[in-house]
Amino acid sequence: MALSRSGKWALGILGALFILFIFFWVIVILFLTGVDDTTRISRGNNVAVVEINGVIAESEKVVRQIKRYRENRNVDAILLRVDSPGGGVAASQEIYEEVKKTVDSDKPVVVSMGAVAASGGYYVSLPASSIVANPGTITGSVGVISQFIHIEEMLDKLGIDVTTIKTGRYKDSGSSFREMEEFEKSYWQDLMDDVYEQFVTAVASAREFELDLAYELAEGKIYTGRQAYELGLIDTLGTYEDAIRIAADLGGIEGDPEIIRERPRRTFWDSFFTSVFGDYVDVREKYLKLPAVQYRMPEPNK
């Protein structure tokens, strides 16, 4: 039986609505889940590359990758590519511990330093089986930093007043709304000294230095890769490709290794947000998550 014109229109509208419904849910799934773009690992002769780029604000992603490759028998060695001025103390320490666990499990980890591997970027490198830097790499900067901005005078000029209700005289220590008192500066200095001691002790242990020598080198100075090599802060000079070869040798790989890496798992929303707001994403995700106490190299002119 032939459909009437109105019946055909109704059927067409229902079909269009069904297609729109399917399209809508496809978009929703892309927004929420994205595409898992993780590289599959084939058997044997594999060097896995894990990258640390920019400020170290969190450790979860890097720790997860290192653990995954440590537990995978098809991965013979890990290359940790570090290009970072450092960052949060706890995040740096968590990556440090995961690198140490991996080396202690007899799976080699080789660090390849990029343009900068300083402060926390150097800290995470310490337990590695071998540290490789370019002659011009900026590294070192062994120290701790904490900076506070005071805006009290600006608020006074704007006629803005801030009232703080607190328990304990240290509770708002470091507030931007008032100057620090001497007892608070002493309190913060003690805290910084303790975190600094942890860093220096890690350097002395990893590089087999006397503690006095470690303290002598740990005055916040930055070094070139060549200077760091001469001081014993790294193991050898070389490029990324040299580091790959060292990792392959330590992993018992003959010939050219297969390089594997985990590609970012990005949702449609991630791609859209990044394309619209650009570098703001990186600033939001990294700098705003940093704690007050950092293993970080100060940036010039900032």
C-alpha atoms as a PDB file:
ATOM      1  CA  MET A   1       0.000   0.000   0.000  1.00  0.00           C
ATOM      2  CA  ALA A   2       1.520   3.336  -1.078  1.00  0.00           C
ATOM      3  CA  LEU A   3       2.089   5.989   1.552  1.00  0.00           C
ATOM      4  CA  SER A   4       0.403   9.328   1.254  1.00  0.00           C
ATOM      5  CA  ARG A   5       2.445  12.485   0.879  1.00  0.00           C
ATOM      6  CA  SER A   6       1.915  13.336   4.567  1.00  0.00           C
ATOM      7  CA  GLY A   7       2.944   9.785   5.528  1.00  0.00           C
ATOM      8  CA  LYS A   8       6.169  10.112   3.531  1.00  0.00           C
ATOM      9  CA  TRP A   9       6.915  13.435   5.235  1.00  0.00           C
ATOM     10  CA  ALA A  10       6.310  11.888   8.658  1.00  0.00           C
ATOM     11  CA  LEU A  11       8.555   8.925   7.839  1.00  0.00           C
ATOM     12  CA  GLY A  12      11.251  11.251   6.541  1.00  0.00           C
ATOM     13  CA  ILE A  13      11.111  13.379   9.681  1.00  0.00           C
ATOM     14  CA  LEU A  14      11.337  10.278  11.903  1.00  0.00           C
ATOM     15  CA  GLY A  15      14.335   9.043   9.902  1.00  0.00           C
ATOM     16  CA  ALA A  16      16.073  12.404  10.198  1.00  0.00           C
ATOM     17  CA  LEU A  17      15.390  12.498  13.953  1.00  0.00           C
ATOM     18  CA  PHE A  18      16.813   8.985  14.310  1.00  0.00           C
ATOM     19  CA  ILE A  19      20.000   9.980  12.451  1.00  0.00           C
ATOM     20  CA  LEU A  20      20.339  13.109  14.613  1.00  0.00           C
ATOM     21  CA  PHE A  21      19.847  10.965  17.725  1.00  0.00           C
ATOM     22  CA  ILE A  22      22.651   8.605  16.694  1.00  0.00           C
ATOM     23  CA  PHE A  23      24.903  11.544  15.753  1.00  0.00           C
ATOM     24  CA  PHE A  24      24.238  13.184  19.123  1.00  0.00           C
ATOM     25  CA  TRP A  25      25.301  10.123  21.083  1.00  0.00           C
ATOM     26  CA  VAL A  26      28.413   9.635  18.948  1.00  0.00           C
ATOM     27  CA  ILE A  27      29.441  13.196  19.812  1.00  0.00           C
ATOM     28  CA  VAL A  28      28.683  12.622  23.508  1.00  0.00           C
ATOM     29  CA  ILE A  29      30.852   9.491  23.547  1.00  0.00           C
ATOM     30  CA  LEU A  30      33.716  11.355  21.861  1.00  0.00           C
ATOM     31  CA  PHE A  31      33.443  14.166  24.413  1.00  0.00           C
ATOM     32  CA  LEU A  32      33.414  11.836  27.383  1.00  0.00           C
ATOM     33  CA  THR A  33      35.792   9.064  26.409  1.00  0.00           C
ATOM     34  CA  GLY A  34      37.969  10.078  23.489  1.00  0.00           C
ATOM     35  CA  VAL A  35      40.122   7.556  21.660  1.00  0.00           C
ATOM     36  CA  ASP A  36      42.584   5.340  23.481  1.00  0.00           C
ATOM     37  CA  ASP A  37      45.724   5.956  21.453  1.00  0.00           C
ATOM     38  CA  THR A  38      48.096   3.788  23.494  1.00  0.00           C
ATOM     39  CA  THR A  39      50.813   2.017  21.549  1.00  0.00           C
ATOM     40  CA  ARG A  40      50.629  -1.773  21.565  1.00  0.00           C
ATOM     41  CA  ILE A  41      53.790  -3.472  22.794  1.00  0.00           C
ATOM     42  CA  SER A  42      55.208  -6.295  20.682  1.00  0.00           C
ATOM     43  CA  ARG A  43      57.531  -8.960  22.056  1.00  0.00           C
ATOM     44  CA  GLY A  44      61.175  -8.136  22.817  1.00  0.00           C
ATOM     45  CA  ASN A  45      63.836  -5.531  21.926  1.00  0.00           C
ATOM     46  CA  ASN A  46      61.753  -2.611  23.196  1.00  0.00           C
ATOM     47  CA  VAL A  47      62.906   0.642  24.785  1.00  0.00           C
ATOM     48  CA  ALA A  48      59.958   2.539  26.246  1.00  0.00           C
ATOM     49  CA  VAL A  49      60.169   6.335  26.258  1.00  0.00           C
ATOM     50  CA  VAL A  50      58.531   8.324  29.060  1.00  0.00           C
ATOM     51  CA  GLU A  51      58.577  12.111  28.773  1.00  0.00           C
ATOM     52  CA  ILE A  52      58.619  14.802  31.450  1.00  0.00           C
ATOM     53  CA  ASN A  53      58.050  18.161  29.786  1.00  0.00           C
ATOM     54  CA  GLY A  54      57.623  21.531  31.472  1.00  0.00           C
ATOM     55  CA  VAL A  55      56.827  22.242  35.089  1.00  0.00           C
ATOM     56  CA  ILE A  56      56.307  19.165  37.276  1.00  0.00           C
ATOM     57  CA  ALA A  57      52.921  19.864  38.812  1.00  0.00           C
ATOM     58  CA  GLU A  58      51.715  16.289  39.226  1.00  0.00           C
ATOM     59  CA  SER A  59      53.166  12.796  39.052  1.00  0.00           C
ATOM     60  CA  GLU A  60      50.279  10.449  38.234  1.00  0.00           C
ATOM     61  CA  LYS A  61      50.790  10.192  34.480  1.00  0.00           C
ATOM     62  CA  VAL A  62      54.553   9.636  34.614  1.00  0.00           C
ATOM     63  CA  VAL A  63      54.336   7.216  37.556  1.00  0.00           C
ATOM     64  CA  ARG A  64      51.649   5.201  35.774  1.00  0.00           C
ATOM     65  CA  GLN A  65      53.744   4.892  32.620  1.00  0.00           C
ATOM     66  CA  ILE A  66      56.931   3.903  34.445  1.00  0.00           C
ATOM     67  CA  LYS A  67      55.061   1.294  36.490  1.00  0.00           C
ATOM     68  CA  ARG A  68      53.363  -0.089  33.394  1.00  0.00           C
ATOM     69  CA  TYR A  69      56.646  -0.492  31.540  1.00  0.00           C
ATOM     70  CA  ARG A  70      58.427  -1.907  34.591  1.00  0.00           C
ATOM     71  CA  GLU A  71      55.836  -4.662  34.905  1.00  0.00           C
ATOM     72  CA  ASN A  72      55.780  -5.483  31.182  1.00  0.00           C
ATOM     73  CA  ARG A  73      58.246  -8.267  30.354  1.00  0.00           C
ATOM     74  CA  ASN A  74      58.372  -7.184  26.719  1.00  0.00           C
ATOM     75  CA  VAL A  75      59.999  -3.868  27.702  1.00  0.00           C
ATOM     76  CA  ASP A  76      63.761  -4.273  28.112  1.00  0.00           C
ATOM     77  CA  ALA A  77      64.629  -0.724  29.234  1.00  0.00           C
ATOM     78  CA  ILE A  78      63.058   2.664  29.876  1.00  0.00           C
ATOM     79  CA  LEU A  79      64.318   5.996  28.632  1.00  0.00           C
ATOM     80  CA  LEU A  80      63.154   8.949  30.707  1.00  0.00           C
ATOM     81  CA  ARG A  81      63.321  12.120  28.609  1.00  0.00           C
ATOM     82  CA  VAL A  82      63.486  15.092  30.984  1.00  0.00           C
ATOM     83  CA  ASP A  83      63.014  18.672  29.781  1.00  0.00           C
ATOM     84  CA  SER A  84      61.858  20.467  32.903  1.00  0.00           C
ATOM     85  CA  PRO A  85      62.902  23.285  35.263  1.00  0.00           C
ATOM     86  CA  GLY A  86      61.393  21.302  38.156  1.00  0.00           C
ATOM     87  CA  GLY A  87      58.234  21.884  40.112  1.00  0.00           C
ATOM     88  CA  GLY A  88      56.402  20.497  43.123  1.00  0.00           C
ATOM     89  CA  VAL A  89      58.404  18.728  45.798  1.00  0.00           C
ATOM     90  CA  ALA A  90      55.979  15.850  46.406  1.00  0.00           C
ATOM     91  CA  ALA A  91      55.388  15.238  42.680  1.00  0.00           C
ATOM     92  CA  SER A  92      59.160  15.141  42.054  1.00  0.00           C
ATOM     93  CA  GLN A  93      59.673  12.757  44.962  1.00  0.00           C
ATOM     94  CA  GLU A  94      56.948  10.391  43.746  1.00  0.00           C
ATOM     95  CA  ILE A  95      58.543  10.153  40.289  1.00  0.00           C
ATOM     96  CA  TYR A  96      61.956   9.704  41.934  1.00  0.00           C
ATOM     97  CA  GLU A  97      60.638   6.757  43.964  1.00  0.00           C
ATOM     98  CA  GLU A  98      59.108   5.090  40.904  1.00  0.00           C
ATOM     99  CA  VAL A  99      62.378   5.408  38.974  1.00  0.00           C
ATOM    100  CA  LYS A 100      64.242   3.932  41.953  1.00  0.00           C
ATOM    101  CA  LYS A 101      61.813   0.992  42.235  1.00  0.00           C
ATOM    102  CA  THR A 102      62.310   0.257  38.550  1.00  0.00           C
ATOM    103  CA  VAL A 103      66.109   0.290  38.738  1.00  0.00           C
ATOM    104  CA  ASP A 104      66.000  -1.819  41.911  1.00  0.00           C
ATOM    105  CA  SER A 105      63.865  -4.360  40.024  1.00  0.00           C
ATOM    106  CA  ASP A 106      66.760  -4.790  37.561  1.00  0.00           C
ATOM    107  CA  LYS A 107      65.071  -2.982  34.694  1.00  0.00           C
ATOM    108  CA  PRO A 108      67.394  -0.194  33.485  1.00  0.00           C
ATOM    109  CA  VAL A 109      66.223   3.407  33.344  1.00  0.00           C
ATOM    110  CA  VAL A 110      68.313   5.895  31.372  1.00  0.00           C
ATOM    111  CA  VAL A 111      67.692   9.631  31.650  1.00  0.00           C
ATOM    112  CA  SER A 112      68.132  11.785  28.564  1.00  0.00           C
ATOM    113  CA  MET A 113      68.255  15.454  29.530  1.00  0.00           C
ATOM    114  CA  GLY A 114      66.903  17.963  27.039  1.00  0.00           C
ATOM    115  CA  ALA A 115      67.396  21.735  27.107  1.00  0.00           C
ATOM    116  CA  VAL A 116      66.694  21.981  30.859  1.00  0.00           C
ATOM    117  CA  ALA A 117      66.677  19.321  33.563  1.00  0.00           C
ATOM    118  CA  ALA A 118      67.119  21.393  36.685  1.00  0.00           C
ATOM    119  CA  SER A 119      65.996  21.273  40.313  1.00  0.00           C
ATOM    120  CA  GLY A 120      63.040  18.838  40.361  1.00  0.00           C
ATOM    121  CA  GLY A 121      64.013  17.837  36.817  1.00  0.00           C
ATOM    122  CA  TYR A 122      67.415  16.808  38.181  1.00  0.00           C
ATOM    123  CA  TYR A 123      65.883  15.240  41.306  1.00  0.00           C
ATOM    124  CA  VAL A 124      63.738  12.772  39.328  1.00  0.00           C
ATOM    125  CA  SER A 125      66.837  11.778  37.334  1.00  0.00           C
ATOM    126  CA  LEU A 126      68.981  10.828  40.328  1.00  0.00           C
ATOM    127  CA  PRO A 127      68.064   7.124  40.749  1.00  0.00           C
ATOM    128  CA  ALA A 128      68.498   6.308  37.051  1.00  0.00           C
ATOM    129  CA  SER A 129      70.918   3.647  35.837  1.00  0.00           C
ATOM    130  CA  SER A 130      72.632   6.336  33.756  1.00  0.00           C
ATOM    131  CA  ILE A 131      72.140  10.079  33.288  1.00  0.00           C
ATOM    132  CA  VAL A 132      72.940  11.500  29.838  1.00  0.00           C
ATOM    133  CA  ALA A 133      73.001  15.228  29.068  1.00  0.00           C
ATOM    134  CA  ASN A 134      73.956  17.390  26.120  1.00  0.00           C
ATOM    135  CA  PRO A 135      76.993  19.630  26.720  1.00  0.00           C
ATOM    136  CA  GLY A 136      74.669  22.648  26.649  1.00  0.00           C
ATOM    137  CA  THR A 137      71.909  21.212  28.825  1.00  0.00           C
ATOM    138  CA  ILE A 138      71.045  23.381  31.848  1.00  0.00           C
ATOM    139  CA  THR A 139      70.924  21.212  34.950  1.00  0.00           C
ATOM    140  CA  GLY A 140      71.699  21.313  38.673  1.00  0.00           C
ATOM    141  CA  SER A 141      69.869  24.073  40.554  1.00  0.00           C
ATOM    142  CA  VAL A 142      69.781  21.840  43.614  1.00  0.00           C
ATOM    143  CA  GLY A 143      67.698  23.797  46.073  1.00  0.00           C
ATOM    144  CA  VAL A 144      64.223  24.727  47.262  1.00  0.00           C
ATOM    145  CA  ILE A 145      62.251  27.878  46.622  1.00  0.00           C
ATOM    146  CA  SER A 146      59.089  29.417  47.995  1.00  0.00           C
ATOM    147  CA  GLN A 147      57.879  32.865  46.946  1.00  0.00           C
ATOM    148  CA  PHE A 148      55.048  34.993  48.314  1.00  0.00           C
ATOM    149  CA  ILE A 149      53.303  37.961  46.725  1.00  0.00           C
ATOM    150  CA  HIS A 150      52.106  40.771  48.992  1.00  0.00           C
ATOM    151  CA  ILE A 151      49.242  42.922  47.707  1.00  0.00           C
ATOM    152  CA  GLU A 152      48.282  44.695  50.922  1.00  0.00           C
ATOM    153  CA  GLU A 153      49.300  48.180  49.719  1.00  0.00           C
ATOM    154  CA  MET A 154      47.473  47.760  46.419  1.00  0.00           C
ATOM    155  CA  LEU A 155      44.304  46.712  48.231  1.00  0.00           C
ATOM    156  CA  ASP A 156      44.606  49.752  50.525  1.00  0.00           C
ATOM    157  CA  LYS A 157      44.749  52.049  47.493  1.00  0.00           C
ATOM    158  CA  LEU A 158      41.657  50.378  46.072  1.00  0.00           C
ATOM    159  CA  GLY A 159      39.841  50.677  49.370  1.00  0.00           C
ATOM    160  CA  ILE A 160      39.580  46.924  49.819  1.00  0.00           C
ATOM    161  CA  ASP A 161      39.914  45.446  53.283  1.00  0.00           C
ATOM    162  CA  VAL A 162      40.444  41.762  54.142  1.00  0.00           C
ATOM    163  CA  THR A 163      39.365  40.249  57.444  1.00  0.00           C
ATOM    164  CA  THR A 164      40.906  36.917  58.450  1.00  0.00           C
ATOM    165  CA  ILE A 165      39.386  34.637  61.075  1.00  0.00           C
ATOM    166  CA  LYS A 166      41.830  31.925  62.129  1.00  0.00           C
ATOM    167  CA  THR A 167      42.898  29.486  64.810  1.00  0.00           C
ATOM    168  CA  GLY A 168      46.607  29.341  65.599  1.00  0.00           C
ATOM    169  CA  ARG A 169      49.042  32.108  64.778  1.00  0.00           C
ATOM    170  CA  TYR A 170      50.595  30.210  61.843  1.00  0.00           C
ATOM    171  CA  LYS A 171      47.324  29.427  60.048  1.00  0.00           C
ATOM    172  CA  ASP A 172      47.514  32.312  57.551  1.00  0.00           C
ATOM    173  CA  SER A 173      51.299  32.384  57.395  1.00  0.00           C
ATOM    174  CA  GLY A 174      52.291  33.250  53.822  1.00  0.00           C
ATOM    175  CA  SER A 175      49.094  35.174  53.143  1.00  0.00           C
ATOM    176  CA  SER A 176      49.218  37.705  50.329  1.00  0.00           C
ATOM    177  CA  PHE A 177      47.165  40.147  52.385  1.00  0.00           C
ATOM    178  CA  ARG A 178      49.852  41.078  54.921  1.00  0.00           C
ATOM    179  CA  GLU A 179      53.592  41.155  55.481  1.00  0.00           C
ATOM    180  CA  MET A 180      55.232  38.191  57.205  1.00  0.00           C
ATOM    181  CA  GLU A 181      56.382  38.604  60.765  1.00  0.00           C
ATOM    182  CA  GLU A 182      59.876  37.483  61.807  1.00  0.00           C
ATOM    183  CA  PHE A 183      58.667  34.340  63.600  1.00  0.00           C
ATOM    184  CA  GLU A 184      56.861  33.303  60.404  1.00  0.00           C
ATOM    185  CA  LYS A 185      59.948  33.812  58.248  1.00  0.00           C
ATOM    186  CA  SER A 186      61.871  31.626  60.691  1.00  0.00           C
ATOM    187  CA  TYR A 187      59.136  28.990  60.528  1.00  0.00           C
ATOM    188  CA  TRP A 188      59.210  28.917  56.724  1.00  0.00           C
ATOM    189  CA  GLN A 189      63.000  28.813  56.663  1.00  0.00           C
ATOM    190  CA  ASP A 190      63.013  25.746  58.944  1.00  0.00           C
ATOM    191  CA  LEU A 191      60.530  24.062  56.627  1.00  0.00           C
ATOM    192  CA  MET A 192      62.629  24.903  53.566  1.00  0.00           C
ATOM    193  CA  ASP A 193      65.809  23.652  55.260  1.00  0.00           C
ATOM    194  CA  ASP A 194      64.202  20.287  55.938  1.00  0.00           C
ATOM    195  CA  VAL A 195      63.059  19.826  52.321  1.00  0.00           C
ATOM    196  CA  TYR A 196      66.471  21.043  51.116  1.00  0.00           C
ATOM    197  CA  GLU A 197      68.215  18.450  53.303  1.00  0.00           C
ATOM    198  CA  GLN A 198      66.111  15.723  51.678  1.00  0.00           C
ATOM    199  CA  PHE A 199      67.278  16.882  48.237  1.00  0.00           C
ATOM    200  CA  VAL A 200      70.957  17.091  49.186  1.00  0.00           C
ATOM    201  CA  THR A 201      70.854  13.679  50.858  1.00  0.00           C
ATOM    202  CA  ALA A 202      69.347  12.193  47.686  1.00  0.00           C
ATOM    203  CA  VAL A 203      72.147  13.752  45.590  1.00  0.00           C
ATOM    204  CA  ALA A 204      74.862  12.454  47.946  1.00  0.00           C
ATOM    205  CA  SER A 205      73.393   8.942  47.930  1.00  0.00           C
ATOM    206  CA  ALA A 206      72.780   8.683  44.180  1.00  0.00           C
ATOM    207  CA  ARG A 207      76.076  10.236  43.084  1.00  0.00           C
ATOM    208  CA  GLU A 208      78.112   8.646  45.893  1.00  0.00           C
ATOM    209  CA  PHE A 209      79.305  12.017  47.181  1.00  0.00           C
ATOM    210  CA  GLU A 210      80.414  12.912  50.662  1.00  0.00           C
ATOM    211  CA  LEU A 211      77.647  14.978  52.226  1.00  0.00           C
ATOM    212  CA  ASP A 212      79.915  18.038  52.472  1.00  0.00           C
ATOM    213  CA  LEU A 213      80.605  17.906  48.723  1.00  0.00           C
ATOM    214  CA  ALA A 214      76.901  17.522  47.979  1.00  0.00           C
ATOM    215  CA  TYR A 215      76.138  20.633  50.046  1.00  0.00           C
ATOM    216  CA  GLU A 216      78.929  22.513  48.275  1.00  0.00           C
ATOM    217  CA  LEU A 217      77.379  21.769  44.881  1.00  0.00           C
ATOM    218  CA  ALA A 218      73.836  22.331  46.122  1.00  0.00           C
ATOM    219  CA  GLU A 219      73.748  26.096  46.453  1.00  0.00           C
ATOM    220  CA  GLY A 220      71.074  26.577  43.808  1.00  0.00           C
ATOM    221  CA  LYS A 221      73.661  26.972  41.047  1.00  0.00           C
ATOM    222  CA  ILE A 222      72.838  25.856  37.527  1.00  0.00           C
ATOM    223  CA  TYR A 223      75.442  24.012  35.472  1.00  0.00           C
ATOM    224  CA  THR A 224      75.880  23.196  31.825  1.00  0.00           C
ATOM    225  CA  GLY A 225      75.871  19.534  30.922  1.00  0.00           C
ATOM    226  CA  ARG A 226      79.633  19.656  30.454  1.00  0.00           C
ATOM    227  CA  GLN A 227      80.174  21.260  33.866  1.00  0.00           C
ATOM    228  CA  ALA A 228      77.819  18.740  35.470  1.00  0.00           C
ATOM    229  CA  TYR A 229      79.787  15.892  33.906  1.00  0.00           C
ATOM    230  CA  GLU A 230      83.077  17.256  35.201  1.00  0.00           C
ATOM    231  CA  LEU A 231      81.558  17.617  38.687  1.00  0.00           C
ATOM    232  CA  GLY A 232      80.140  14.087  38.662  1.00  0.00           C
ATOM    233  CA  LEU A 233      76.495  15.191  38.688  1.00  0.00           C
ATOM    234  CA  ILE A 234      75.738  13.161  35.541  1.00  0.00           C
ATOM    235  CA  ASP A 235      77.258  10.023  34.001  1.00  0.00           C
ATOM    236  CA  THR A 236      78.031  10.955  30.414  1.00  0.00           C
ATOM    237  CA  LEU A 237      77.556  13.511  27.667  1.00  0.00           C
ATOM    238  CA  GLY A 238      75.463  12.611  24.665  1.00  0.00           C
ATOM    239  CA  THR A 239      72.330  13.152  22.631  1.00  0.00           C
ATOM    240  CA  TYR A 240      68.886  11.599  22.816  1.00  0.00           C
ATOM    241  CA  GLU A 241      70.023   8.968  20.289  1.00  0.00           C
ATOM    242  CA  ASP A 242      73.083   8.192  22.415  1.00  0.00           C
ATOM    243  CA  ALA A 243      70.821   7.710  25.422  1.00  0.00           C
ATOM    244  CA  ILE A 244      68.636   5.321  23.412  1.00  0.00           C
ATOM    245  CA  ARG A 245      71.713   3.273  22.543  1.00  0.00           C
ATOM    246  CA  ILE A 246      72.836   3.173  26.183  1.00  0.00           C
ATOM    247  CA  ALA A 247      69.367   2.057  27.274  1.00  0.00           C
ATOM    248  CA  ALA A 248      69.358  -0.678  24.621  1.00  0.00           C
ATOM    249  CA  ASP A 249      72.794  -1.912  25.710  1.00  0.00           C
ATOM    250  CA  LEU A 250      71.782  -1.990  29.377  1.00  0.00           C
ATOM    251  CA  GLY A 251      68.605  -3.840  28.389  1.00  0.00           C
ATOM    252  CA  GLY A 252      70.599  -6.493  26.511  1.00  0.00           C
ATOM    253  CA  ILE A 253      69.226  -5.497  23.110  1.00  0.00           C
ATOM    254  CA  GLU A 254      71.357  -6.325  20.077  1.00  0.00           C
ATOM    255  CA  GLY A 255      70.894  -4.141  17.027  1.00  0.00           C
ATOM    256  CA  ASP A 256      68.425  -1.279  16.783  1.00  0.00           C
ATOM    257  CA  PRO A 257      65.744  -1.266  19.483  1.00  0.00           C
ATOM    258  CA  GLU A 258      62.051  -0.772  18.869  1.00  0.00           C
ATOM    259  CA  ILE A 259      61.007   2.570  20.383  1.00  0.00           C
ATOM    260  CA  ILE A 260      57.609   2.598  22.036  1.00  0.00           C
ATOM    261  CA  ARG A 261      55.807   5.433  23.753  1.00  0.00           C
ATOM    262  CA  GLU A 262      52.362   6.192  25.058  1.00  0.00           C
ATOM    263  CA  ARG A 263      50.593   8.753  22.936  1.00  0.00           C
ATOM    264  CA  PRO A 264      48.287  11.154  24.798  1.00  0.00           C
ATOM    265  CA  ARG A 265      44.718   9.988  25.303  1.00  0.00           C
ATOM    266  CA  ARG A 266      42.758  13.059  24.217  1.00  0.00           C
ATOM    267  CA  THR A 267      39.028  13.545  24.119  1.00  0.00           C
ATOM    268  CA  PHE A 268      37.244  15.607  21.528  1.00  0.00           C
ATOM    269  CA  TRP A 269      36.675  18.216  24.256  1.00  0.00           C
ATOM    270  CA  ASP A 270      40.423  18.350  25.056  1.00  0.00           C
ATOM    271  CA  SER A 271      41.248  19.037  21.411  1.00  0.00           C
ATOM    272  CA  PHE A 272      38.508  21.648  21.098  1.00  0.00           C
ATOM    273  CA  PHE A 273      39.458  23.440  24.329  1.00  0.00           C
ATOM    274  CA  THR A 274      43.159  23.485  23.401  1.00  0.00           C
ATOM    275  CA  SER A 275      42.484  24.790  19.885  1.00  0.00           C
ATOM    276  CA  VAL A 276      40.343  27.638  21.273  1.00  0.00           C
ATOM    277  CA  PHE A 277      42.357  28.639  24.350  1.00  0.00           C
ATOM    278  CA  GLY A 278      45.847  27.517  23.326  1.00  0.00           C
ATOM    279  CA  ASP A 279      48.570  27.789  25.963  1.00  0.00           C
ATOM    280  CA  TYR A 280      46.052  28.778  28.630  1.00  0.00           C
ATOM    281  CA  VAL A 281      45.358  25.060  29.069  1.00  0.00           C
ATOM    282  CA  ASP A 282      48.963  24.374  29.994  1.00  0.00           C
ATOM    283  CA  VAL A 283      49.054  27.303  32.408  1.00  0.00           C
ATOM    284  CA  ARG A 284      45.801  26.275  34.041  1.00  0.00           C
ATOM    285  CA  GLU A 285      46.763  22.620  34.382  1.00  0.00           C
ATOM    286  CA  LYS A 286      50.325  23.116  35.594  1.00  0.00           C
ATOM    287  CA  TYR A 287      51.100  26.427  37.233  1.00  0.00           C
ATOM    288  CA  LEU A 288      47.867  26.665  39.214  1.00  0.00           C
ATOM    289  CA  LYS A 289      48.451  23.228  40.732  1.00  0.00           C
ATOM    290  CA  LEU A 290      51.919  23.974  42.068  1.00  0.00           C
ATOM    291  CA  PRO A 291      52.388  23.952  45.850  1.00  0.00           C
ATOM    292  CA  ALA A 292      54.103  26.719  47.805  1.00  0.00           C
ATOM    293  CA  VAL A 293      57.344  24.771  48.302  1.00  0.00           C
ATOM    294  CA  GLN A 294      59.032  23.737  45.077  1.00  0.00           C
ATOM    295  CA  TYR A 295      62.104  22.062  43.643  1.00  0.00           C
ATOM    296  CA  ARG A 296      62.102  24.561  40.783  1.00  0.00           C
ATOM    297  CA  MET A 297      64.628  26.718  38.980  1.00  0.00           C
ATOM    298  CA  PRO A 298      63.570  30.404  39.107  1.00  0.00           C
ATOM    299  CA  GLU A 299      62.791  31.797  35.662  1.00  0.00           C
ATOM    300  CA  PRO A 300      64.927  34.771  34.579  1.00  0.00           C
ATOM    301  CA  ASN A 301      63.229  38.198  34.623  1.00  0.00           C
ATOM    302  CA  LYS A 302      60.207  36.826  36.525  1.00  0.00           C
END
